[in-house]
């Protein structure tokens, strides 16, 4: 199974990376290869057939290639909730969660996650087109780049005031003493229901499910077992980090995973899909309401609880 990923230095999609490195894919008889592609490239790879499945850090990205969920399904959640944090420069003088303090500042977010960031800002009372500047960092879309770590470097160099990225980027900036977390929507800094806008998942096409149902089931079982193993022993993350990550990121991953294991739940609830579709409609990626069964590979549901 060829699996496309947009970021290999990620806590959000970590259960899939760990399933590979800790042998859970192999344990299910699955020959899985995870390949790094540019931002949004995983969805395109799924569409053009160069990948059998994709690791989506934000499952709403699927709709950029599979309009109205036609032709693709989410098989299992890798982690629950909107996964990104807003990290600001260390000398930023504002109370945590203060949206008004962001006015006039220069921030960055990757393509895809930027849509969720703009939604967060709007629900926090800001106009992302007028009240602040959201820039693209030159070089951030290169194949080898982990956006969060790249943005942390830009923050250290004074190129930006803050960045919207996963916890690896935030931890990198905080550990270096150049940043501090200002908004973490999954942990209560969200206006409204922002923490439920999207989530990370493993997805594939309807065609692949029809052709290779056993491979899909094997991948889901491996992810579920990996999540369970990480919840039982977050220290396993260090082993994966040593093999997968650059040394600096490898040194940080265990602490991040220890904090994140509560989100490593494979279940995709009907409420999560309802929130996801409402968000997708609000950004113009979904033309109207669709059913749960149009979004989720329901054949996989029993596997989420070991059935």
C-alpha atoms as a PDB file:
ATOM      1  CA  UNK A   1       0.000   0.000   0.000  1.00  0.00           C
ATOM      2  CA  UNK A   2       1.436   3.345  -1.074  1.00  0.00           C
ATOM      3  CA  UNK A   3       0.559   6.022   1.488  1.00  0.00           C
ATOM      4  CA  UNK A   4       1.122   9.726   0.763  1.00  0.00           C
ATOM      5  CA  UNK A   5       1.860  12.193   3.588  1.00  0.00           C
ATOM      6  CA  UNK A   6       2.469  15.942   3.525  1.00  0.00           C
ATOM      7  CA  UNK A   7       4.538  16.000   6.731  1.00  0.00           C
ATOM      8  CA  UNK A   8       6.664  13.267   8.250  1.00  0.00           C
ATOM      9  CA  UNK A   9       7.678  15.379  11.275  1.00  0.00           C
ATOM     10  CA  UNK A  10       4.205  15.503  12.754  1.00  0.00           C
ATOM     11  CA  UNK A  11       2.519  14.654  16.036  1.00  0.00           C
ATOM     12  CA  UNK A  12      -0.891  14.955  14.384  1.00  0.00           C
ATOM     13  CA  UNK A  13      -0.347  12.042  11.996  1.00  0.00           C
ATOM     14  CA  UNK A  14       2.063  10.250  14.307  1.00  0.00           C
ATOM     15  CA  UNK A  15       0.000   7.047  14.739  1.00  0.00           C
ATOM     16  CA  UNK A  16       0.417   6.275  11.020  1.00  0.00           C
ATOM     17  CA  UNK A  17       4.173   6.917  11.140  1.00  0.00           C
ATOM     18  CA  UNK A  18       4.456   4.799  14.279  1.00  0.00           C
ATOM     19  CA  UNK A  19       2.402   1.985  12.720  1.00  0.00           C
ATOM     20  CA  UNK A  20       5.091   1.791  10.075  1.00  0.00           C
ATOM     21  CA  UNK A  21       8.155   2.095  12.309  1.00  0.00           C
ATOM     22  CA  UNK A  22       6.874  -0.091  15.172  1.00  0.00           C
ATOM     23  CA  UNK A  23       5.857  -2.907  12.844  1.00  0.00           C
ATOM     24  CA  UNK A  24       2.091  -2.761  13.218  1.00  0.00           C
ATOM     25  CA  UNK A  25       1.515  -2.552   9.465  1.00  0.00           C
ATOM     26  CA  UNK A  26       3.744  -5.569   8.935  1.00  0.00           C
ATOM     27  CA  UNK A  27       2.011  -7.345  11.799  1.00  0.00           C
ATOM     28  CA  UNK A  28      -1.210  -7.098   9.826  1.00  0.00           C
ATOM     29  CA  UNK A  29       0.474  -8.526   6.746  1.00  0.00           C
ATOM     30  CA  UNK A  30       0.561  -5.131   5.047  1.00  0.00           C
ATOM     31  CA  UNK A  31       3.490  -3.904   2.972  1.00  0.00           C
ATOM     32  CA  UNK A  32       3.014  -0.148   3.499  1.00  0.00           C
ATOM     33  CA  UNK A  33       5.265   2.604   2.150  1.00  0.00           C
ATOM     34  CA  UNK A  34       4.790   6.144   3.427  1.00  0.00           C
ATOM     35  CA  UNK A  35       6.061   8.787   1.007  1.00  0.00           C
ATOM     36  CA  UNK A  36       6.437  12.534   1.561  1.00  0.00           C
ATOM     37  CA  UNK A  37       4.693  14.839  -0.923  1.00  0.00           C
ATOM     38  CA  UNK A  38       4.225  18.658  -1.050  1.00  0.00           C
ATOM     39  CA  UNK A  39       1.366  20.445   0.735  1.00  0.00           C
ATOM     40  CA  UNK A  40      -2.027  19.208  -0.579  1.00  0.00           C
ATOM     41  CA  UNK A  41      -0.037  16.790  -2.725  1.00  0.00           C
ATOM     42  CA  UNK A  42      -1.373  13.797  -0.803  1.00  0.00           C
ATOM     43  CA  UNK A  43      -4.890  14.505  -1.990  1.00  0.00           C
ATOM     44  CA  UNK A  44      -3.686  14.909  -5.559  1.00  0.00           C
ATOM     45  CA  UNK A  45      -1.704  11.665  -5.302  1.00  0.00           C
ATOM     46  CA  UNK A  46      -4.840   9.878  -4.185  1.00  0.00           C
ATOM     47  CA  UNK A  47      -6.783  11.335  -7.099  1.00  0.00           C
ATOM     48  CA  UNK A  48      -4.194  10.520  -9.788  1.00  0.00           C
ATOM     49  CA  UNK A  49      -3.561   7.010  -8.463  1.00  0.00           C
ATOM     50  CA  UNK A  50       0.078   7.471  -7.465  1.00  0.00           C
ATOM     51  CA  UNK A  51      -0.993   6.692  -3.870  1.00  0.00           C
ATOM     52  CA  UNK A  52      -3.405   4.054  -2.577  1.00  0.00           C
ATOM     53  CA  UNK A  53      -4.146   5.966   0.604  1.00  0.00           C
ATOM     54  CA  UNK A  54      -3.272   9.292   2.176  1.00  0.00           C
ATOM     55  CA  UNK A  55      -2.477  10.579   5.629  1.00  0.00           C
ATOM     56  CA  UNK A  56      -4.552  13.725   5.994  1.00  0.00           C
ATOM     57  CA  UNK A  57      -3.495  16.124   8.711  1.00  0.00           C
ATOM     58  CA  UNK A  58      -6.808  17.807   7.992  1.00  0.00           C
ATOM     59  CA  UNK A  59      -9.422  15.603   6.358  1.00  0.00           C
ATOM     60  CA  UNK A  60     -11.244  18.562   4.791  1.00  0.00           C
ATOM     61  CA  UNK A  61      -8.296  18.703   2.351  1.00  0.00           C
ATOM     62  CA  UNK A  62      -9.840  15.699   0.573  1.00  0.00           C
ATOM     63  CA  UNK A  63     -12.523  17.977  -0.819  1.00  0.00           C
ATOM     64  CA  UNK A  64      -9.999  19.880  -2.930  1.00  0.00           C
ATOM     65  CA  UNK A  65      -9.877  16.858  -5.258  1.00  0.00           C
ATOM     66  CA  UNK A  66     -12.980  14.847  -4.341  1.00  0.00           C
ATOM     67  CA  UNK A  67     -15.824  17.303  -4.704  1.00  0.00           C
ATOM     68  CA  UNK A  68     -18.715  16.688  -2.326  1.00  0.00           C
ATOM     69  CA  UNK A  69     -16.958  13.536  -1.026  1.00  0.00           C
ATOM     70  CA  UNK A  70     -17.493  11.745  -4.325  1.00  0.00           C
ATOM     71  CA  UNK A  71     -14.936   8.975  -4.781  1.00  0.00           C
ATOM     72  CA  UNK A  72     -13.093   8.985  -1.432  1.00  0.00           C
ATOM     73  CA  UNK A  73     -13.716   7.977   2.162  1.00  0.00           C
ATOM     74  CA  UNK A  74     -12.082   8.484   5.560  1.00  0.00           C
ATOM     75  CA  UNK A  75     -11.252   5.082   7.057  1.00  0.00           C
ATOM     76  CA  UNK A  76     -10.015   5.929  10.560  1.00  0.00           C
ATOM     77  CA  UNK A  77      -9.179   8.969  12.666  1.00  0.00           C
ATOM     78  CA  UNK A  78      -5.497   9.381  13.456  1.00  0.00           C
ATOM     79  CA  UNK A  79      -6.126  12.086  16.053  1.00  0.00           C
ATOM     80  CA  UNK A  80      -9.186  13.987  17.182  1.00  0.00           C
ATOM     81  CA  UNK A  81      -9.890  17.675  16.765  1.00  0.00           C
ATOM     82  CA  UNK A  82      -8.481  20.709  14.972  1.00  0.00           C
ATOM     83  CA  UNK A  83      -4.789  19.981  15.504  1.00  0.00           C
ATOM     84  CA  UNK A  84      -3.025  23.329  15.095  1.00  0.00           C
ATOM     85  CA  UNK A  85      -1.811  25.918  17.587  1.00  0.00           C
ATOM     86  CA  UNK A  86      -1.012  29.594  17.204  1.00  0.00           C
ATOM     87  CA  UNK A  87       2.519  30.193  18.456  1.00  0.00           C
ATOM     88  CA  UNK A  88       3.654  33.797  18.922  1.00  0.00           C
ATOM     89  CA  UNK A  89       7.071  35.328  19.509  1.00  0.00           C
ATOM     90  CA  UNK A  90       8.216  34.968  23.118  1.00  0.00           C
ATOM     91  CA  UNK A  91       7.989  38.704  23.863  1.00  0.00           C
ATOM     92  CA  UNK A  92       4.370  38.975  22.674  1.00  0.00           C
ATOM     93  CA  UNK A  93       2.545  40.868  25.432  1.00  0.00           C
ATOM     94  CA  UNK A  94      -1.027  39.587  25.542  1.00  0.00           C
ATOM     95  CA  UNK A  95      -3.127  37.228  27.602  1.00  0.00           C
ATOM     96  CA  UNK A  96      -3.421  33.745  26.145  1.00  0.00           C
ATOM     97  CA  UNK A  97      -6.382  33.539  23.784  1.00  0.00           C
ATOM     98  CA  UNK A  98      -6.640  37.304  23.223  1.00  0.00           C
ATOM     99  CA  UNK A  99      -7.635  37.649  19.578  1.00  0.00           C
ATOM    100  CA  UNK A 100      -7.767  41.436  19.535  1.00  0.00           C
ATOM    101  CA  UNK A 101      -4.045  41.568  20.313  1.00  0.00           C
ATOM    102  CA  UNK A 102      -3.339  39.987  16.913  1.00  0.00           C
ATOM    103  CA  UNK A 103      -4.422  43.068  14.982  1.00  0.00           C
ATOM    104  CA  UNK A 104      -1.771  44.421  12.637  1.00  0.00           C
ATOM    105  CA  UNK A 105       0.583  41.488  13.089  1.00  0.00           C
ATOM    106  CA  UNK A 106       2.343  39.326  10.507  1.00  0.00           C
ATOM    107  CA  UNK A 107       1.460  35.631  10.769  1.00  0.00           C
ATOM    108  CA  UNK A 108       1.860  32.538   8.623  1.00  0.00           C
ATOM    109  CA  UNK A 109      -0.031  29.288   8.026  1.00  0.00           C
ATOM    110  CA  UNK A 110       0.384  26.471   5.524  1.00  0.00           C
ATOM    111  CA  UNK A 111      -1.966  25.934   2.605  1.00  0.00           C
ATOM    112  CA  UNK A 112      -4.914  23.877   3.865  1.00  0.00           C
ATOM    113  CA  UNK A 113      -4.520  24.649   7.589  1.00  0.00           C
ATOM    114  CA  UNK A 114      -4.798  28.348   6.661  1.00  0.00           C
ATOM    115  CA  UNK A 115      -8.518  27.836   5.968  1.00  0.00           C
ATOM    116  CA  UNK A 116      -9.083  26.633   9.519  1.00  0.00           C
ATOM    117  CA  UNK A 117      -6.937  29.485  10.840  1.00  0.00           C
ATOM    118  CA  UNK A 118      -9.044  32.060   9.038  1.00  0.00           C
ATOM    119  CA  UNK A 119     -12.182  30.453  10.452  1.00  0.00           C
ATOM    120  CA  UNK A 120     -10.674  30.647  13.948  1.00  0.00           C
ATOM    121  CA  UNK A 121      -9.855  34.328  13.472  1.00  0.00           C
ATOM    122  CA  UNK A 122     -13.343  35.157  12.199  1.00  0.00           C
ATOM    123  CA  UNK A 123     -14.964  33.422  15.158  1.00  0.00           C
ATOM    124  CA  UNK A 124     -12.587  35.351  17.389  1.00  0.00           C
ATOM    125  CA  UNK A 125     -13.915  38.635  15.955  1.00  0.00           C
ATOM    126  CA  UNK A 126     -11.191  39.402  13.386  1.00  0.00           C
ATOM    127  CA  UNK A 127     -11.237  39.828   9.625  1.00  0.00           C
ATOM    128  CA  UNK A 128      -8.230  37.808   8.389  1.00  0.00           C
ATOM    129  CA  UNK A 129      -8.093  39.853   5.183  1.00  0.00           C
ATOM    130  CA  UNK A 130      -8.036  43.266   6.868  1.00  0.00           C
ATOM    131  CA  UNK A 131      -7.098  43.073  10.541  1.00  0.00           C
ATOM    132  CA  UNK A 132      -3.761  41.283  10.140  1.00  0.00           C
ATOM    133  CA  UNK A 133      -1.421  39.865   7.502  1.00  0.00           C
ATOM    134  CA  UNK A 134      -1.176  36.157   6.712  1.00  0.00           C
ATOM    135  CA  UNK A 135       1.869  35.501   4.546  1.00  0.00           C
ATOM    136  CA  UNK A 136       3.373  32.509   2.753  1.00  0.00           C
ATOM    137  CA  UNK A 137       6.936  31.784   3.766  1.00  0.00           C
ATOM    138  CA  UNK A 138       9.208  31.331   0.729  1.00  0.00           C
ATOM    139  CA  UNK A 139      10.335  27.718   0.581  1.00  0.00           C
ATOM    140  CA  UNK A 140       7.625  26.410   2.889  1.00  0.00           C
ATOM    141  CA  UNK A 141       6.044  24.230   0.191  1.00  0.00           C
ATOM    142  CA  UNK A 142       9.197  22.356  -0.737  1.00  0.00           C
ATOM    143  CA  UNK A 143       8.865  18.573  -0.553  1.00  0.00           C
ATOM    144  CA  UNK A 144      11.312  18.072   2.311  1.00  0.00           C
ATOM    145  CA  UNK A 145       9.943  20.856   4.529  1.00  0.00           C
ATOM    146  CA  UNK A 146       8.086  20.268   7.799  1.00  0.00           C
ATOM    147  CA  UNK A 147       6.039  23.455   7.949  1.00  0.00           C
ATOM    148  CA  UNK A 148       5.904  23.855  11.721  1.00  0.00           C
ATOM    149  CA  UNK A 149       9.650  23.448  12.199  1.00  0.00           C
ATOM    150  CA  UNK A 150      10.262  25.743   9.215  1.00  0.00           C
ATOM    151  CA  UNK A 151       7.943  28.386  10.667  1.00  0.00           C
ATOM    152  CA  UNK A 152       9.628  28.148  14.073  1.00  0.00           C
ATOM    153  CA  UNK A 153      12.894  29.047  12.374  1.00  0.00           C
ATOM    154  CA  UNK A 154      11.232  32.024  10.650  1.00  0.00           C
ATOM    155  CA  UNK A 155       9.895  33.166  14.029  1.00  0.00           C
ATOM    156  CA  UNK A 156      13.395  32.949  15.520  1.00  0.00           C
ATOM    157  CA  UNK A 157      14.743  35.023  12.622  1.00  0.00           C
ATOM    158  CA  UNK A 158      12.111  37.718  13.181  1.00  0.00           C
ATOM    159  CA  UNK A 159      10.400  37.230   9.824  1.00  0.00           C
ATOM    160  CA  UNK A 160       6.970  36.741  11.411  1.00  0.00           C
ATOM    161  CA  UNK A 161       5.158  37.503  14.660  1.00  0.00           C
ATOM    162  CA  UNK A 162       3.551  34.091  14.900  1.00  0.00           C
ATOM    163  CA  UNK A 163       2.569  30.916  13.088  1.00  0.00           C
ATOM    164  CA  UNK A 164      -0.309  28.452  12.916  1.00  0.00           C
ATOM    165  CA  UNK A 165       1.029  24.871  12.867  1.00  0.00           C
ATOM    166  CA  UNK A 166       1.044  21.551  14.691  1.00  0.00           C
ATOM    167  CA  UNK A 167       2.511  20.966  18.126  1.00  0.00           C
ATOM    168  CA  UNK A 168       5.930  19.988  16.770  1.00  0.00           C
ATOM    169  CA  UNK A 169       6.364  23.493  15.417  1.00  0.00           C
ATOM    170  CA  UNK A 170       5.091  25.013  18.656  1.00  0.00           C
ATOM    171  CA  UNK A 171       7.338  22.817  20.809  1.00  0.00           C
ATOM    172  CA  UNK A 172      10.342  23.692  18.657  1.00  0.00           C
ATOM    173  CA  UNK A 173       9.773  27.431  19.134  1.00  0.00           C
ATOM    174  CA  UNK A 174       8.988  27.161  22.852  1.00  0.00           C
ATOM    175  CA  UNK A 175      12.005  24.939  23.548  1.00  0.00           C
ATOM    176  CA  UNK A 176      14.311  27.354  21.743  1.00  0.00           C
ATOM    177  CA  UNK A 177      12.903  30.185  23.878  1.00  0.00           C
ATOM    178  CA  UNK A 178      11.692  32.140  20.847  1.00  0.00           C
ATOM    179  CA  UNK A 179       7.970  31.429  21.050  1.00  0.00           C
ATOM    180  CA  UNK A 180       4.980  30.862  23.307  1.00  0.00           C
ATOM    181  CA  UNK A 181       1.620  29.222  22.699  1.00  0.00           C
ATOM    182  CA  UNK A 182      -1.157  31.772  22.333  1.00  0.00           C
ATOM    183  CA  UNK A 183      -4.069  29.693  21.053  1.00  0.00           C
ATOM    184  CA  UNK A 184      -4.541  25.923  21.366  1.00  0.00           C
ATOM    185  CA  UNK A 185      -8.108  25.266  20.255  1.00  0.00           C
ATOM    186  CA  UNK A 186      -8.188  21.598  21.288  1.00  0.00           C
ATOM    187  CA  UNK A 187      -7.422  22.614  24.865  1.00  0.00           C
ATOM    188  CA  UNK A 188     -10.034  25.300  25.322  1.00  0.00           C
ATOM    189  CA  UNK A 189      -8.796  28.415  23.534  1.00  0.00           C
ATOM    190  CA  UNK A 190     -11.435  28.044  20.812  1.00  0.00           C
ATOM    191  CA  UNK A 191     -14.268  30.471  20.157  1.00  0.00           C
ATOM    192  CA  UNK A 192     -17.426  28.514  19.420  1.00  0.00           C
ATOM    193  CA  UNK A 193     -16.820  24.996  18.131  1.00  0.00           C
ATOM    194  CA  UNK A 194     -13.481  25.586  16.416  1.00  0.00           C
ATOM    195  CA  UNK A 195     -11.905  22.526  18.043  1.00  0.00           C
ATOM    196  CA  UNK A 196     -14.261  20.371  15.960  1.00  0.00           C
ATOM    197  CA  UNK A 197     -13.671  21.917  12.517  1.00  0.00           C
ATOM    198  CA  UNK A 198     -11.546  19.035  11.236  1.00  0.00           C
ATOM    199  CA  UNK A 199      -9.303  16.176  12.346  1.00  0.00           C
ATOM    200  CA  UNK A 200      -6.465  13.979  11.087  1.00  0.00           C
ATOM    201  CA  UNK A 201      -7.340  10.757   9.338  1.00  0.00           C
ATOM    202  CA  UNK A 202      -6.338   8.013   6.938  1.00  0.00           C
ATOM    203  CA  UNK A 203      -8.337   8.080   3.713  1.00  0.00           C
ATOM    204  CA  UNK A 204      -8.540   6.182   0.459  1.00  0.00           C
ATOM    205  CA  UNK A 205     -10.657   6.010  -2.680  1.00  0.00           C
ATOM    206  CA  UNK A 206     -13.898   4.122  -3.165  1.00  0.00           C
ATOM    207  CA  UNK A 207     -12.156   2.214  -5.964  1.00  0.00           C
ATOM    208  CA  UNK A 208      -9.351   1.037  -3.684  1.00  0.00           C
ATOM    209  CA  UNK A 209     -11.845  -0.058  -1.004  1.00  0.00           C
ATOM    210  CA  UNK A 210     -13.678  -2.102  -3.645  1.00  0.00           C
ATOM    211  CA  UNK A 211     -10.462  -3.620  -5.046  1.00  0.00           C
ATOM    212  CA  UNK A 212      -8.494  -4.147  -1.814  1.00  0.00           C
ATOM    213  CA  UNK A 213     -10.883  -4.297   1.145  1.00  0.00           C
ATOM    214  CA  UNK A 214      -8.548  -6.586   3.109  1.00  0.00           C
ATOM    215  CA  UNK A 215      -5.671  -4.098   2.764  1.00  0.00           C
ATOM    216  CA  UNK A 216      -7.895  -1.262   3.982  1.00  0.00           C
ATOM    217  CA  UNK A 217      -9.004  -3.308   6.979  1.00  0.00           C
ATOM    218  CA  UNK A 218      -5.395  -4.261   7.748  1.00  0.00           C
ATOM    219  CA  UNK A 219      -4.312  -0.610   7.696  1.00  0.00           C
ATOM    220  CA  UNK A 220      -7.123   0.393  10.040  1.00  0.00           C
ATOM    221  CA  UNK A 221      -6.391  -2.441  12.466  1.00  0.00           C
ATOM    222  CA  UNK A 222      -2.721  -1.426  12.497  1.00  0.00           C
ATOM    223  CA  UNK A 223      -3.583   2.215  13.258  1.00  0.00           C
ATOM    224  CA  UNK A 224      -5.952   1.229  16.074  1.00  0.00           C
ATOM    225  CA  UNK A 225      -3.327  -1.049  17.642  1.00  0.00           C
ATOM    226  CA  UNK A 226      -0.687   1.671  17.332  1.00  0.00           C
ATOM    227  CA  UNK A 227      -2.902   4.249  19.032  1.00  0.00           C
ATOM    228  CA  UNK A 228      -3.566   1.798  21.855  1.00  0.00           C
ATOM    229  CA  UNK A 229       0.149   1.099  22.224  1.00  0.00           C
ATOM    230  CA  UNK A 230       0.995   4.812  22.350  1.00  0.00           C
ATOM    231  CA  UNK A 231      -1.695   5.472  24.957  1.00  0.00           C
ATOM    232  CA  UNK A 232      -0.287   2.658  27.078  1.00  0.00           C
ATOM    233  CA  UNK A 233       3.328   3.723  26.622  1.00  0.00           C
ATOM    234  CA  UNK A 234       3.947   7.206  25.132  1.00  0.00           C
ATOM    235  CA  UNK A 235       7.666   6.481  25.480  1.00  0.00           C
ATOM    236  CA  UNK A 236       7.426   4.397  22.307  1.00  0.00           C
ATOM    237  CA  UNK A 237       7.436   7.727  20.474  1.00  0.00           C
ATOM    238  CA  UNK A 238      11.151   8.143  21.195  1.00  0.00           C
ATOM    239  CA  UNK A 239      11.960   4.989  19.221  1.00  0.00           C
ATOM    240  CA  UNK A 240       9.936   6.220  16.255  1.00  0.00           C
ATOM    241  CA  UNK A 241      11.461   9.683  16.476  1.00  0.00           C
ATOM    242  CA  UNK A 242      15.010   8.358  16.345  1.00  0.00           C
ATOM    243  CA  UNK A 243      14.259   6.552  13.090  1.00  0.00           C
ATOM    244  CA  UNK A 244      11.953   9.061  11.414  1.00  0.00           C
ATOM    245  CA  UNK A 245      12.810  12.576  12.567  1.00  0.00           C
ATOM    246  CA  UNK A 246      15.782  14.920  12.405  1.00  0.00           C
ATOM    247  CA  UNK A 247      17.715  14.825  15.724  1.00  0.00           C
ATOM    248  CA  UNK A 248      16.278  18.071  17.118  1.00  0.00           C
ATOM    249  CA  UNK A 249      12.682  17.025  16.473  1.00  0.00           C
ATOM    250  CA  UNK A 250      13.350  13.482  17.687  1.00  0.00           C
ATOM    251  CA  UNK A 251      14.408  14.895  21.052  1.00  0.00           C
ATOM    252  CA  UNK A 252      11.046  16.659  21.440  1.00  0.00           C
ATOM    253  CA  UNK A 253       8.568  14.078  20.211  1.00  0.00           C
ATOM    254  CA  UNK A 254       8.161  12.000  23.390  1.00  0.00           C
ATOM    255  CA  UNK A 255       6.956  14.956  25.458  1.00  0.00           C
ATOM    256  CA  UNK A 256       4.567  16.029  22.700  1.00  0.00           C
ATOM    257  CA  UNK A 257       3.090  12.564  22.281  1.00  0.00           C
ATOM    258  CA  UNK A 258       2.689  12.155  26.050  1.00  0.00           C
ATOM    259  CA  UNK A 259       0.459  15.250  25.983  1.00  0.00           C
ATOM    260  CA  UNK A 260      -1.375  14.226  22.811  1.00  0.00           C
ATOM    261  CA  UNK A 261      -2.249  10.585  23.450  1.00  0.00           C
ATOM    262  CA  UNK A 262      -5.714  11.516  24.695  1.00  0.00           C
ATOM    263  CA  UNK A 263      -6.483  12.633  21.129  1.00  0.00           C
ATOM    264  CA  UNK A 264      -5.338   9.330  19.563  1.00  0.00           C
ATOM    265  CA  UNK A 265      -8.814   7.876  19.234  1.00  0.00           C
ATOM    266  CA  UNK A 266      -9.751   6.069  15.986  1.00  0.00           C
ATOM    267  CA  UNK A 267     -13.493   6.674  16.192  1.00  0.00           C
ATOM    268  CA  UNK A 268     -15.099   9.026  13.664  1.00  0.00           C
ATOM    269  CA  UNK A 269     -18.353  10.117  15.263  1.00  0.00           C
ATOM    270  CA  UNK A 270     -21.397  11.391  13.423  1.00  0.00           C
ATOM    271  CA  UNK A 271     -20.993  14.655  15.352  1.00  0.00           C
ATOM    272  CA  UNK A 272     -17.401  15.018  14.099  1.00  0.00           C
ATOM    273  CA  UNK A 273     -18.555  14.543  10.510  1.00  0.00           C
ATOM    274  CA  UNK A 274     -21.391  17.024  10.999  1.00  0.00           C
ATOM    275  CA  UNK A 275     -18.950  19.677  12.233  1.00  0.00           C
ATOM    276  CA  UNK A 276     -16.500  18.815   9.442  1.00  0.00           C
ATOM    277  CA  UNK A 277     -19.142  19.194   6.750  1.00  0.00           C
ATOM    278  CA  UNK A 278     -20.412  22.474   8.204  1.00  0.00           C
ATOM    279  CA  UNK A 279     -16.869  23.846   8.074  1.00  0.00           C
ATOM    280  CA  UNK A 280     -16.372  22.543   4.528  1.00  0.00           C
ATOM    281  CA  UNK A 281     -19.563  24.264   3.422  1.00  0.00           C
ATOM    282  CA  UNK A 282     -18.499  27.515   5.070  1.00  0.00           C
ATOM    283  CA  UNK A 283     -15.272  27.633   3.037  1.00  0.00           C
ATOM    284  CA  UNK A 284     -16.928  26.593  -0.216  1.00  0.00           C
ATOM    285  CA  UNK A 285     -15.503  23.063  -0.366  1.00  0.00           C
ATOM    286  CA  UNK A 286     -18.863  21.348  -0.018  1.00  0.00           C
ATOM    287  CA  UNK A 287     -21.937  22.341  -1.990  1.00  0.00           C
ATOM    288  CA  UNK A 288     -24.535  21.024   0.443  1.00  0.00           C
ATOM    289  CA  UNK A 289     -25.308  18.518   3.203  1.00  0.00           C
ATOM    290  CA  UNK A 290     -24.125  14.932   2.730  1.00  0.00           C
ATOM    291  CA  UNK A 291     -24.674  11.837   4.822  1.00  0.00           C
ATOM    292  CA  UNK A 292     -22.225  10.253   7.226  1.00  0.00           C
ATOM    293  CA  UNK A 293     -21.991   7.256   4.896  1.00  0.00           C
ATOM    294  CA  UNK A 294     -20.786   9.467   2.047  1.00  0.00           C
ATOM    295  CA  UNK A 295     -17.823  10.650   4.131  1.00  0.00           C
ATOM    296  CA  UNK A 296     -16.767   7.608   6.147  1.00  0.00           C
ATOM    297  CA  UNK A 297     -15.880   4.051   5.094  1.00  0.00           C
ATOM    298  CA  UNK A 298     -18.489   2.511   7.380  1.00  0.00           C
ATOM    299  CA  UNK A 299     -17.150  -1.001   6.761  1.00  0.00           C
ATOM    300  CA  UNK A 300     -14.272   0.072   9.046  1.00  0.00           C
ATOM    301  CA  UNK A 301     -16.420   1.082  12.007  1.00  0.00           C
ATOM    302  CA  UNK A 302     -16.274  -2.285  13.808  1.00  0.00           C
ATOM    303  CA  UNK A 303     -12.479  -2.219  13.560  1.00  0.00           C
ATOM    304  CA  UNK A 304     -12.199   1.007  15.557  1.00  0.00           C
ATOM    305  CA  UNK A 305     -13.253  -0.855  18.716  1.00  0.00           C
ATOM    306  CA  UNK A 306     -11.459  -4.076  17.908  1.00  0.00           C
ATOM    307  CA  UNK A 307     -14.447  -5.729  16.244  1.00  0.00           C
END
